[in-house]
Amino acid sequence: MSTRLPGKGPTPWKKQPYGGYYQNRTPEHDPFLAEVGPGTPMGEYMRRFWHPVCMSEELTDVPRYIRILGEELVAFRDRSGRVGVLALHCTHRGASLEYGLVQQRGIMCCYHGIVWDVDGSCLEIPFPEGQEHEGERIRGRAWQPAYKAFERHGLVFAYMGPPEEEPPFPEWDGDWGLGPGDEMVPYSNFYPCNWLQVQDNAADQYHHIPLHSTAVVPGHEQGTTFGEAGAAPYEVRPDLQFFRVHGGKAMAWTSSRRVDDEKIFIRVNYQFLPNGSFHSYLFEDGSKRNHFSRTHMFRWVVPVDDENCIMFGWRMFGSHCDPRGVGKKHLVGFEKMDFLEGQCGMRRPERLQYGQGELPPIPKHHRERTAYRDAQHAPGDYEAVTSSRKVAVHALEHLLPFDGGVTMFRQLLRLVIDGKSPGATPEAWRDWLANGPPNSYCSGNVLVIPRAPTMAEEIERRREVAKRVLEATTESDTLQGEARKQFMRDRLAAIEATYAPELAEA
C-alpha cells in the first residue's frame, strides 16, 4: 500500500526550470473562508443574512428541490400564493417533499398525507376515522424544519439563521438606483465550484483585459458591444484603487480609464459582505459627459455547498440604466446572461457553429464537445473561474498588485469571522439596516478632465480624481434618492472645474 506524503505549504515564485516535481503536491484549501455548512465559521456568518435561493419561475405546480449552504431543502408556492422553504425530508418517515402535493395552504407529504405549513407547523395528520382527536393531539406537537421566505422581482429569498436574529431585508439605495420606467430582470447561473472564487471574480477588475478583449484562437472573438471608455473592449488598461467602506461591511473600488484627451471614465463598483456586489453601467462608451449613473447589475453568489454555487441577481433595463439600449432582456434569466459568452455554463446555440435557424438533432455528446471547443477558442468568466479547481487553493496563488480587490475582500471576511471587525458583525448589520435603506457606492462617471502633460502626472491625476469621487460619495451617504443624486452631480462638476476652469465659467 502506498503512502501519500503531506501537501506542502505556500511557496514563493522561484526560478526553477522544469521544477514540476518540487511543486507537485497540492495543499488543502482554506476551510475558514471556503466551507459553509452548518457550524462552520463562514456558514454561520452567512446564515445571518437574506439570500436568494431560487427563481420565482422555478416554483410551479410541483415543489422545487434546492440545496443551499449545504442543506437539502424544498421550495414551493402554495395555491394561496405563499412561498415556503422547508427541510427536504419529512420529519415523519423521511420521504422527500419534492414529491409532495402543493395545497391551498402548505404542502402535503406524498407518503402519508401529512400537511405542513410554510412556517413548518403541522396543518393536518390524517388519522383513521374515529381517531381524529388523536391526530389533533399529535398535530399540535409536530413541526417540519422551515425557513422564512418571500419573493421579490422574480427571486425567492430565504433567511436561514436564528429567527430571533433576523435582519431587515436591505432595500439598497431606496430605489436600487433605478429611474422611472426601469426594470429589474432576474437571473441565475450555476457554477460547479466554490462560492468564493466566483465572488473573487467580481473584485478582480483586471481580468477584463485578457479575458474579454481577446480570443485564444484568432477569428473566435466574443463579438459584443461590451466595452468601456470609447475604446475597443477593454484594450485600455484600468488604474485600480480599492477602499474599505461602511465600517468594514463593504469595499468600493474605482476603475479609471482615459477616454480621450478631454474625458476620463471613473467606474465605481461596490461589494458587500458576505456575498453581494453592485455593478455600474456595463456598456458605457464614454462619448458623453455623465455624472453618477447608477446600478446596472446586482448579484449574490450563494453557496449550494462547498463545491458548487449559484449566482443570483438582477440585470437592470430601461432608458436610465441603459441609455444606449444595448442590453437584451430576452437573453437574461435561468442559466442565461446577455453580455459576453462564457458568463454561464450554457453557451448560446448560435455559437455552436451549425448555421442559422434551429439546430438539427445533434447527439448530446457532440453538442457538448462542440461547446467545449467553443469555450477553448474564446473562454469567459465561467471557464476561468470553474477551472481554478472545485475549491481554489489560496496557498498556491501568487497575488499581484492589481489583485488588491481579491485581497481586501478576503481580508474583510476573515476579520469579521475572527471577531476583529465589530462594524461588520450581523448585529452591526441589523442596526445599520434598521435606520433605513442603505446606500451603495456604485456609479459610472464620465468627467471632463483634460489629459495631464506627462504620463506620471496623468497616472496621478486619474488616481486623485477617483479618490475625490469616492470622498464625495462618502459625504453623500446621509442623503437618499434625488437629493443624493443632485449632491453628487454638483460635487462631480466641482471636481471637473478644478482641472477644467472653463466648465465653472460656463
Protein backbone atom coordinates (compact mmCIF):
# COMPACT_ATOMS: atom_id res chain seq x y z
CA MET A 1 0.00 0.00 0.00
CA SER A 2 1.42 3.39 -0.97
CA THR A 3 1.76 6.25 1.47
CA ARG A 4 0.97 9.77 0.28
CA LEU A 5 3.23 12.48 1.62
CA PRO A 6 1.50 15.51 3.14
CA GLY A 7 0.91 18.53 0.91
CA LYS A 8 3.36 21.39 1.08
CA GLY A 9 2.51 24.86 2.26
CA PRO A 10 2.68 28.05 0.19
CA THR A 11 5.91 28.71 -1.66
CA PRO A 12 7.06 31.91 -3.35
CA TRP A 13 7.69 32.12 -7.05
CA LYS A 14 11.24 31.00 -7.76
CA LYS A 15 13.40 30.31 -10.77
CA GLN A 16 13.22 26.55 -11.23
CA PRO A 17 13.34 25.32 -14.85
CA TYR A 18 11.37 22.11 -15.22
CA GLY A 19 10.69 22.18 -11.50
CA GLY A 20 7.30 20.48 -11.55
CA TYR A 21 8.46 17.71 -9.23
CA TYR A 22 9.11 20.23 -6.47
CA GLN A 23 5.61 21.66 -6.76
CA ASN A 24 3.53 18.56 -7.43
CA ARG A 25 1.66 18.31 -4.13
CA THR A 26 -1.49 20.34 -3.59
CA PRO A 27 -2.12 21.82 -0.13
CA GLU A 28 -5.60 21.82 1.35
CA HIS A 29 -8.00 24.67 0.62
CA ASP A 30 -8.77 27.30 3.25
CA PRO A 31 -11.72 25.85 5.22
CA PHE A 32 -12.17 29.08 7.19
CA LEU A 33 -13.40 31.01 4.14
CA ALA A 34 -14.49 28.25 1.76
CA GLU A 35 -16.65 25.91 3.82
CA VAL A 36 -20.25 26.94 4.50
CA GLY A 37 -22.07 24.02 6.14
CA PRO A 38 -23.91 24.30 9.47
CA GLY A 39 -21.50 25.02 12.30
CA THR A 40 -18.65 26.29 10.10
CA PRO A 41 -17.42 29.88 10.72
CA MET A 42 -18.38 31.14 7.26
CA GLY A 43 -21.59 29.14 7.17
CA GLU A 44 -22.77 30.58 10.46
CA TYR A 45 -21.93 34.12 9.36
CA MET A 46 -23.76 33.69 6.05
CA ARG A 47 -26.84 32.33 7.77
CA ARG A 48 -27.40 35.72 9.42
CA PHE A 49 -28.29 37.31 6.05
CA TRP A 50 -31.07 37.03 3.48
CA HIS A 51 -30.08 35.07 0.34
CA PRO A 52 -31.80 34.25 -2.95
CA VAL A 53 -32.42 30.51 -3.09
CA CYS A 54 -34.19 30.07 -6.45
CA MET A 55 -36.05 32.00 -9.13
CA SER A 56 -39.79 32.57 -8.90
CA GLU A 57 -40.28 30.86 -12.25
CA GLU A 58 -38.92 27.63 -10.71
CA LEU A 59 -41.93 27.43 -8.39
CA THR A 60 -44.61 25.79 -10.49
CA ASP A 61 -47.41 23.33 -9.68
CA VAL A 62 -44.82 20.97 -8.18
CA PRO A 63 -42.21 21.63 -5.46
CA ARG A 64 -38.60 22.50 -6.30
CA TYR A 65 -35.62 20.65 -4.79
CA ILE A 66 -32.86 23.07 -3.83
CA ARG A 67 -29.59 22.81 -1.93
CA ILE A 68 -28.32 25.94 -0.18
CA LEU A 69 -25.42 26.30 2.28
CA GLY A 70 -25.06 22.52 2.28
CA GLU A 71 -28.68 21.91 3.34
CA GLU A 72 -31.20 19.95 1.29
CA LEU A 73 -34.42 21.93 1.04
CA VAL A 74 -37.66 22.09 -0.88
CA ALA A 75 -39.18 25.36 -2.12
CA PHE A 76 -42.80 25.75 -3.18
CA ARG A 77 -45.57 28.29 -3.65
CA ASP A 78 -48.88 27.10 -2.24
CA ARG A 79 -52.11 27.81 -4.08
CA SER A 80 -52.81 30.84 -1.90
CA GLY A 81 -49.56 32.40 -3.22
CA ARG A 82 -47.37 31.98 -0.13
CA VAL A 83 -43.77 30.77 -0.53
CA GLY A 84 -42.35 28.03 1.67
CA VAL A 85 -38.79 26.76 2.14
CA LEU A 86 -38.72 23.57 4.22
CA ALA A 87 -36.22 20.85 5.04
CA LEU A 88 -36.35 18.31 2.23
CA HIS A 89 -37.14 15.19 4.26
CA CYS A 90 -40.48 14.90 6.04
CA THR A 91 -39.89 14.56 9.76
CA HIS A 92 -42.42 11.70 9.95
CA ARG A 93 -40.64 8.98 7.95
CA GLY A 94 -38.12 10.92 5.83
CA ALA A 95 -39.86 10.93 2.44
CA SER A 96 -38.74 13.77 0.19
CA LEU A 97 -41.13 16.69 0.00
CA GLU A 98 -40.01 17.30 -3.59
CA TYR A 99 -42.71 14.70 -4.34
CA GLY A 100 -45.22 16.48 -2.13
CA LEU A 101 -48.57 17.84 -3.27
CA VAL A 102 -48.93 21.62 -3.19
CA GLN A 103 -52.08 22.55 -1.28
CA GLN A 104 -54.26 25.62 -1.00
CA ARG A 105 -52.36 26.13 2.21
CA GLY A 106 -48.99 24.40 2.63
CA ILE A 107 -47.66 21.16 1.17
CA MET A 108 -48.74 17.55 1.72
CA CYS A 109 -46.17 14.75 2.03
CA CYS A 110 -46.89 12.15 -0.63
CA TYR A 111 -46.14 9.24 1.70
CA HIS A 112 -48.75 9.54 4.45
CA GLY A 113 -50.60 12.78 3.68
CA ILE A 114 -49.24 14.94 6.49
CA VAL A 115 -49.66 18.62 5.56
CA TRP A 116 -47.01 21.18 6.54
CA ASP A 117 -47.49 24.95 6.51
CA VAL A 118 -44.86 27.41 5.23
CA ASP A 119 -43.70 28.12 8.80
CA GLY A 120 -43.19 24.40 9.50
CA SER A 121 -46.33 23.92 11.61
CA CYS A 122 -48.45 20.84 11.01
CA LEU A 123 -51.84 21.56 9.44
CA GLU A 124 -53.14 18.01 9.23
CA ILE A 125 -52.33 14.42 10.22
CA PRO A 126 -54.90 12.16 8.51
CA PHE A 127 -55.70 9.64 11.28
CA PRO A 128 -58.31 6.89 10.68
CA GLU A 129 -61.99 7.63 11.16
CA GLY A 130 -62.90 7.89 14.81
CA GLN A 131 -59.31 8.66 15.87
CA GLU A 132 -59.19 12.25 14.65
CA HIS A 133 -58.80 13.51 18.21
CA GLU A 134 -55.52 11.60 18.49
CA GLY A 135 -54.35 13.21 15.25
CA GLU A 136 -55.19 16.65 16.60
CA ARG A 137 -53.28 15.96 19.79
CA ILE A 138 -50.12 14.97 17.89
CA ARG A 139 -50.57 17.65 15.23
CA GLY A 140 -50.02 20.41 17.76
CA ARG A 141 -46.59 18.97 18.64
CA ALA A 142 -45.41 18.15 15.11
CA TRP A 143 -43.10 20.52 13.25
CA GLN A 144 -41.14 20.44 9.98
CA PRO A 145 -37.89 22.49 9.89
CA ALA A 146 -38.66 25.65 7.89
CA TYR A 147 -37.04 28.91 6.86
CA LYS A 148 -38.78 32.25 6.36
CA ALA A 149 -39.05 33.16 2.68
CA PHE A 150 -40.57 35.73 0.32
CA GLU A 151 -40.45 36.78 -3.35
CA ARG A 152 -39.05 39.98 -4.80
CA HIS A 153 -38.71 40.87 -8.51
CA GLY A 154 -38.63 37.27 -9.67
CA LEU A 155 -36.29 35.90 -6.98
CA VAL A 156 -37.15 33.83 -3.89
CA PHE A 157 -35.26 34.87 -0.75
CA ALA A 158 -34.82 32.90 2.47
CA TYR A 159 -33.35 33.64 5.87
CA MET A 160 -31.61 30.54 7.29
CA GLY A 161 -30.31 31.86 10.60
CA PRO A 162 -31.77 32.02 14.13
CA PRO A 163 -35.29 33.53 13.88
CA GLU A 164 -34.60 35.91 16.78
CA GLU A 165 -31.64 37.40 14.85
CA GLU A 166 -33.48 38.02 11.57
CA PRO A 167 -32.23 41.24 9.91
CA PRO A 168 -34.29 43.61 7.78
CA PHE A 169 -34.10 42.94 4.07
CA PRO A 170 -31.81 45.67 2.63
CA GLU A 171 -33.68 47.92 0.19
CA TRP A 172 -30.47 49.26 -1.31
CA ASP A 173 -30.43 52.93 -2.34
CA GLY A 174 -34.15 53.06 -1.62
CA ASP A 175 -34.89 52.55 -5.31
CA TRP A 176 -31.98 50.21 -6.19
CA GLY A 177 -30.61 53.06 -8.30
CA LEU A 178 -33.40 52.79 -10.87
CA GLY A 179 -35.05 55.60 -12.78
CA PRO A 180 -38.73 55.86 -13.76
CA GLY A 181 -39.70 53.02 -16.08
CA ASP A 182 -36.54 50.97 -15.47
CA GLU A 183 -36.98 47.25 -14.82
CA MET A 184 -35.21 44.60 -12.72
CA VAL A 185 -34.91 41.30 -14.61
CA PRO A 186 -33.91 38.26 -12.51
CA TYR A 187 -31.34 35.65 -13.46
CA SER A 188 -29.49 32.67 -12.01
CA ASN A 189 -26.30 30.99 -13.23
CA PHE A 190 -24.93 27.77 -11.73
CA TYR A 191 -21.18 27.41 -11.14
CA PRO A 192 -19.65 23.99 -10.26
CA CYS A 193 -17.04 25.44 -7.91
CA ASN A 194 -16.68 27.07 -4.51
CA TRP A 195 -18.62 30.29 -3.96
CA LEU A 196 -15.60 32.43 -3.03
CA GLN A 197 -13.80 32.10 -6.35
CA VAL A 198 -16.93 33.36 -8.13
CA GLN A 199 -17.17 36.22 -5.62
CA ASP A 200 -13.45 36.94 -6.09
CA ASN A 201 -14.12 37.39 -9.80
CA ALA A 202 -16.32 40.41 -9.07
CA ALA A 203 -13.45 42.11 -7.24
CA ASP A 204 -10.97 41.19 -9.96
CA GLN A 205 -11.39 44.03 -12.43
CA TYR A 206 -8.11 43.41 -14.21
CA HIS A 207 -9.17 40.15 -15.83
CA HIS A 208 -11.22 42.14 -18.32
CA ILE A 209 -8.17 42.92 -20.43
CA PRO A 210 -7.11 39.41 -21.50
CA LEU A 211 -10.34 37.52 -20.90
CA HIS A 212 -12.87 39.85 -22.52
CA SER A 213 -10.87 41.53 -25.27
CA THR A 214 -9.09 38.60 -26.90
CA ALA A 215 -9.65 35.08 -28.12
CA VAL A 216 -7.30 32.17 -27.74
CA VAL A 217 -7.82 31.36 -31.42
CA PRO A 218 -7.96 34.39 -33.77
CA GLY A 219 -11.30 34.67 -35.50
CA HIS A 220 -13.27 33.46 -32.50
CA GLU A 221 -13.56 36.80 -30.70
CA GLN A 222 -16.59 37.24 -28.48
CA GLY A 223 -18.43 39.62 -30.74
CA THR A 224 -20.09 42.19 -28.48
CA THR A 225 -20.61 45.85 -27.79
CA PHE A 226 -19.48 45.29 -24.20
CA GLY A 227 -16.71 47.81 -23.61
CA GLU A 228 -15.80 50.97 -21.83
CA ALA A 229 -14.45 54.44 -22.35
CA GLY A 230 -14.85 54.59 -26.10
CA ALA A 231 -12.10 52.06 -26.73
CA ALA A 232 -12.40 48.62 -28.24
CA PRO A 233 -13.47 46.26 -25.47
CA TYR A 234 -11.07 46.62 -22.57
CA GLU A 235 -7.97 47.46 -24.55
CA VAL A 236 -7.34 50.41 -22.25
CA ARG A 237 -5.96 49.01 -19.01
CA PRO A 238 -7.64 50.49 -15.93
CA ASP A 239 -5.97 52.12 -12.96
CA LEU A 240 -7.50 50.32 -9.94
CA GLN A 241 -7.91 51.50 -6.36
CA PHE A 242 -9.71 49.73 -3.50
CA PHE A 243 -11.32 51.28 -0.44
CA ARG A 244 -12.75 49.76 2.74
CA VAL A 245 -16.11 51.44 3.41
CA HIS A 246 -19.17 51.28 5.66
CA GLY A 247 -17.22 50.21 8.72
CA GLY A 248 -15.77 47.12 7.09
CA LYS A 249 -19.14 45.89 5.80
CA ALA A 250 -18.08 46.50 2.23
CA MET A 251 -15.44 47.74 -0.17
CA ALA A 252 -15.67 50.09 -3.11
CA TRP A 253 -13.23 50.09 -5.97
CA THR A 254 -12.53 52.53 -8.74
CA SER A 255 -11.53 51.66 -12.28
CA SER A 256 -10.15 54.73 -14.06
CA ARG A 257 -9.57 54.99 -17.81
CA ARG A 258 -8.72 57.80 -20.15
CA VAL A 259 -11.45 58.13 -22.81
CA ASP A 260 -9.77 60.79 -24.94
CA ASP A 261 -7.72 63.93 -24.42
CA GLU A 262 -10.68 65.66 -22.74
CA LYS A 263 -12.57 62.99 -20.80
CA ILE A 264 -11.87 60.36 -18.16
CA PHE A 265 -14.08 57.47 -17.09
CA ILE A 266 -14.33 56.59 -13.39
CA ARG A 267 -16.26 53.42 -12.73
CA VAL A 268 -17.16 52.68 -9.10
CA ASN A 269 -18.34 49.21 -8.10
CA TYR A 270 -19.37 48.11 -4.63
CA GLN A 271 -19.01 44.71 -2.98
CA PHE A 272 -20.55 43.94 0.42
CA LEU A 273 -20.31 41.14 2.96
CA PRO A 274 -20.81 38.34 2.79
CA ASN A 275 -21.52 37.67 -0.89
CA GLY A 276 -23.08 40.57 -2.79
CA SER A 277 -21.97 43.15 -5.35
CA PHE A 278 -23.23 46.16 -7.33
CA HIS A 279 -22.00 46.82 -10.88
CA SER A 280 -22.33 50.13 -12.71
CA TYR A 281 -23.24 50.51 -16.39
CA LEU A 282 -21.60 47.72 -18.37
CA PHE A 283 -21.77 49.45 -21.74
CA GLU A 284 -20.52 52.98 -21.03
CA ASP A 285 -18.69 54.15 -24.17
CA GLY A 286 -17.57 57.48 -22.73
CA SER A 287 -18.92 59.51 -25.64
CA LYS A 288 -20.89 61.91 -23.41
CA ARG A 289 -20.33 63.61 -20.09
CA ASN A 290 -22.14 61.51 -17.48
CA HIS A 291 -22.39 62.11 -13.73
CA PHE A 292 -23.43 59.46 -11.19
CA SER A 293 -25.22 56.92 -13.36
CA ARG A 294 -26.36 54.10 -11.10
CA THR A 295 -26.70 50.34 -10.86
CA HIS A 296 -26.82 48.22 -14.00
CA MET A 297 -26.43 44.80 -12.36
CA PHE A 298 -26.81 43.47 -8.83
CA ARG A 299 -25.84 39.98 -7.71
CA TRP A 300 -25.35 37.50 -4.88
CA VAL A 301 -23.10 34.42 -5.06
CA VAL A 302 -24.95 31.85 -2.96
CA PRO A 303 -23.22 28.62 -1.93
CA VAL A 304 -25.01 25.40 -2.83
CA ASP A 305 -22.36 23.54 -0.85
CA ASP A 306 -18.57 23.76 -0.62
CA GLU A 307 -18.05 22.81 -4.28
CA ASN A 308 -20.98 24.45 -6.06
CA CYS A 309 -22.74 27.81 -6.05
CA ILE A 310 -25.35 29.86 -7.88
CA MET A 311 -25.06 33.46 -8.97
CA PHE A 312 -28.45 35.11 -8.48
CA GLY A 313 -29.21 38.70 -9.35
CA TRP A 314 -31.00 41.33 -11.36
CA ARG A 315 -29.99 42.98 -14.62
CA MET A 316 -31.47 46.45 -14.99
CA PHE A 317 -33.14 47.52 -18.23
CA GLY A 318 -34.56 50.88 -19.27
CA SER A 319 -33.63 54.27 -20.65
CA HIS A 320 -31.99 55.48 -17.41
CA CYS A 321 -29.78 52.48 -16.64
CA ASP A 322 -29.07 51.51 -20.27
CA PRO A 323 -29.20 54.73 -22.32
CA ARG A 324 -27.53 53.04 -25.30
CA GLY A 325 -30.18 50.31 -25.36
CA VAL A 326 -27.51 47.61 -25.68
CA GLY A 327 -28.95 45.06 -23.23
CA LYS A 328 -31.00 42.10 -24.48
CA LYS A 329 -33.70 41.31 -21.93
CA HIS A 330 -34.76 38.05 -23.61
CA LEU A 331 -31.27 36.64 -23.02
CA VAL A 332 -31.38 37.18 -19.24
CA GLY A 333 -32.91 34.54 -16.96
CA PHE A 334 -32.42 30.96 -15.83
CA GLU A 335 -28.92 29.94 -16.97
CA LYS A 336 -28.79 32.92 -19.32
CA MET A 337 -26.90 36.20 -19.48
CA ASP A 338 -26.90 38.69 -22.34
CA PHE A 339 -23.41 40.19 -22.22
CA LEU A 340 -20.39 38.19 -23.35
CA GLU A 341 -20.25 34.48 -23.95
CA GLY A 342 -18.89 32.44 -21.07
CA GLN A 343 -20.87 34.14 -18.31
CA CYS A 344 -22.60 30.84 -17.59
CA GLY A 345 -22.10 27.20 -18.50
CA MET A 346 -24.68 27.13 -21.30
CA ARG A 347 -23.26 28.61 -24.48
CA ARG A 348 -25.94 30.02 -26.73
CA PRO A 349 -26.97 27.79 -29.68
CA GLU A 350 -25.88 30.31 -32.30
CA ARG A 351 -22.31 29.87 -31.05
CA LEU A 352 -22.32 26.13 -31.83
CA GLN A 353 -21.43 26.72 -35.48
CA TYR A 354 -24.37 24.93 -37.09
CA GLY A 355 -25.60 27.83 -39.16
CA GLN A 356 -28.76 29.86 -38.82
CA GLY A 357 -32.17 28.80 -37.62
CA GLU A 358 -33.00 25.80 -35.47
CA LEU A 359 -30.36 23.26 -34.57
CA PRO A 360 -30.62 19.81 -36.13
CA PRO A 361 -30.95 16.81 -33.79
CA ILE A 362 -27.29 16.63 -32.84
CA PRO A 363 -26.21 13.89 -30.39
CA LYS A 364 -25.75 15.25 -26.88
CA HIS A 365 -22.10 14.21 -26.64
CA HIS A 366 -21.32 16.03 -29.90
CA ARG A 367 -23.09 19.21 -28.74
CA GLU A 368 -21.11 19.13 -25.50
CA ARG A 369 -17.82 18.62 -27.36
CA THR A 370 -18.60 21.50 -29.71
CA ALA A 371 -19.48 23.82 -26.82
CA TYR A 372 -16.25 22.81 -25.09
CA ARG A 373 -14.18 23.66 -28.17
CA ASP A 374 -16.05 26.94 -28.46
CA ALA A 375 -15.12 27.71 -24.86
CA GLN A 376 -11.49 26.86 -25.60
CA HIS A 377 -11.48 29.23 -28.57
CA ALA A 378 -12.83 32.16 -26.53
CA PRO A 379 -13.14 31.39 -22.80
CA GLY A 380 -15.13 33.59 -20.44
CA ASP A 381 -15.61 34.12 -16.73
CA TYR A 382 -17.27 30.74 -16.30
CA GLU A 383 -14.33 28.83 -17.75
CA ALA A 384 -11.69 30.83 -15.88
CA VAL A 385 -13.45 30.61 -12.52
CA THR A 386 -14.59 26.98 -12.58
CA SER A 387 -11.22 25.77 -13.89
CA SER A 388 -9.49 27.12 -10.77
CA ARG A 389 -10.26 23.78 -9.06
CA LYS A 390 -13.52 22.81 -7.37
CA VAL A 391 -12.26 24.76 -4.36
CA ALA A 392 -9.46 27.23 -5.09
CA VAL A 393 -6.26 26.65 -3.12
CA HIS A 394 -5.14 30.08 -1.91
CA ALA A 395 -1.80 28.71 -0.73
CA LEU A 396 -0.81 28.11 -4.36
CA GLU A 397 -1.70 31.61 -5.56
CA HIS A 398 0.84 34.37 -6.16
CA LEU A 399 -1.24 37.54 -5.97
CA LEU A 400 -0.14 40.68 -7.81
CA PRO A 401 -0.74 44.38 -7.04
CA PHE A 402 -3.80 44.54 -9.29
CA ASP A 403 -5.36 41.72 -7.21
CA GLY A 404 -5.97 44.24 -4.44
CA GLY A 405 -9.74 43.74 -4.52
CA VAL A 406 -9.42 39.99 -4.05
CA THR A 407 -7.03 40.50 -1.16
CA MET A 408 -9.18 43.16 0.53
CA PHE A 409 -12.47 41.29 0.33
CA ARG A 410 -10.98 38.08 1.71
CA GLN A 411 -9.46 40.17 4.49
CA LEU A 412 -12.84 41.74 5.31
CA LEU A 413 -14.38 38.27 5.58
CA ARG A 414 -11.55 36.91 7.71
CA LEU A 415 -11.58 39.86 10.09
CA VAL A 416 -15.29 39.68 10.85
CA ILE A 417 -15.28 35.92 11.32
CA ASP A 418 -12.22 36.27 13.56
CA GLY A 419 -14.18 38.76 15.70
CA LYS A 420 -11.88 41.64 14.74
CA SER A 421 -14.34 43.76 12.73
CA PRO A 422 -17.14 44.98 15.03
CA GLY A 423 -18.61 47.17 12.28
CA ALA A 424 -19.40 44.14 10.08
CA THR A 425 -20.94 41.72 12.57
CA PRO A 426 -24.52 40.54 11.99
CA GLU A 427 -25.56 42.75 14.93
CA ALA A 428 -23.91 45.79 13.31
CA TRP A 429 -25.66 45.00 10.04
CA ARG A 430 -29.05 44.76 11.75
CA ASP A 431 -28.54 48.11 13.49
CA TRP A 432 -27.42 49.73 10.22
CA LEU A 433 -30.35 48.40 8.21
CA ALA A 434 -32.83 49.39 10.93
CA ASN A 435 -32.01 53.04 10.18
CA GLY A 436 -33.45 52.84 6.68
CA PRO A 437 -32.34 51.84 3.16
CA PRO A 438 -28.54 51.59 2.91
CA ASN A 439 -26.68 53.38 0.14
CA SER A 440 -24.24 51.71 -2.23
CA TYR A 441 -21.20 53.41 -3.75
CA CYS A 442 -22.00 52.09 -7.23
CA SER A 443 -21.79 54.66 -10.02
CA GLY A 444 -20.48 55.34 -13.51
CA ASN A 445 -18.94 58.74 -14.25
CA VAL A 446 -17.59 60.32 -17.42
CA LEU A 447 -15.87 63.53 -16.35
CA VAL A 448 -14.39 66.32 -18.44
CA ILE A 449 -10.80 66.11 -17.15
CA PRO A 450 -8.07 67.04 -19.65
CA ARG A 451 -5.03 64.84 -20.10
CA ALA A 452 -2.03 65.73 -17.92
CA PRO A 453 1.24 66.87 -19.61
CA THR A 454 3.22 63.71 -18.72
CA MET A 455 2.33 60.07 -18.12
CA ALA A 456 3.46 60.24 -14.49
CA GLU A 457 1.21 63.27 -13.93
CA GLU A 458 -1.62 61.55 -15.83
CA ILE A 459 -1.48 58.49 -13.56
CA GLU A 460 -1.52 60.73 -10.51
CA ARG A 461 -4.44 62.69 -11.94
CA ARG A 462 -6.54 59.58 -12.57
CA ARG A 463 -5.96 58.36 -9.03
CA GLU A 464 -6.65 61.73 -7.46
CA VAL A 465 -9.91 62.16 -9.40
CA ALA A 466 -11.04 58.66 -8.41
CA LYS A 467 -10.30 59.35 -4.73
CA ARG A 468 -12.25 62.59 -4.88
CA VAL A 469 -15.23 60.77 -6.42
CA LEU A 470 -15.08 58.27 -3.53
CA GLU A 471 -14.84 61.07 -0.96
CA ALA A 472 -17.88 62.79 -2.45
CA THR A 473 -19.81 59.51 -2.42
CA THR A 474 -19.00 59.05 1.26
CA GLU A 475 -20.21 62.59 2.01
CA SER A 476 -23.48 61.84 0.19
CA ASP A 477 -24.16 58.76 2.34
CA THR A 478 -26.59 60.59 4.63
CA LEU A 479 -28.83 61.52 1.67
CA GLN A 480 -31.37 59.48 -0.28
CA GLY A 481 -32.87 59.43 -3.75
CA GLU A 482 -32.83 62.59 -5.85
CA ALA A 483 -31.21 64.65 -3.08
CA ARG A 484 -28.22 62.35 -3.14
CA LYS A 485 -28.03 62.28 -6.93
CA GLN A 486 -28.11 66.08 -7.13
CA PHE A 487 -25.45 66.38 -4.43
CA MET A 488 -23.18 64.04 -6.41
CA ARG A 489 -23.76 65.87 -9.68
CA ASP A 490 -22.80 69.15 -8.05
CA ARG A 491 -19.69 67.67 -6.46
CA LEU A 492 -18.56 65.99 -9.68
CA ALA A 493 -18.99 69.26 -11.55
CA ALA A 494 -16.83 70.93 -8.91
CA ILE A 495 -14.14 68.27 -9.40
CA GLU A 496 -14.20 68.92 -13.15
CA ALA A 497 -13.84 72.65 -12.59
CA THR A 498 -10.60 72.03 -10.68
CA TYR A 499 -8.98 70.67 -13.82
CA ALA A 500 -11.06 72.46 -16.48
CA PRO A 501 -11.84 76.00 -15.15
CA GLU A 502 -13.76 76.85 -18.32
CA LEU A 503 -16.51 74.48 -17.12
CA ALA A 504 -17.01 76.55 -13.96
CA GLU A 505 -17.09 79.74 -16.01
CA ALA A 506 -19.66 78.21 -18.36
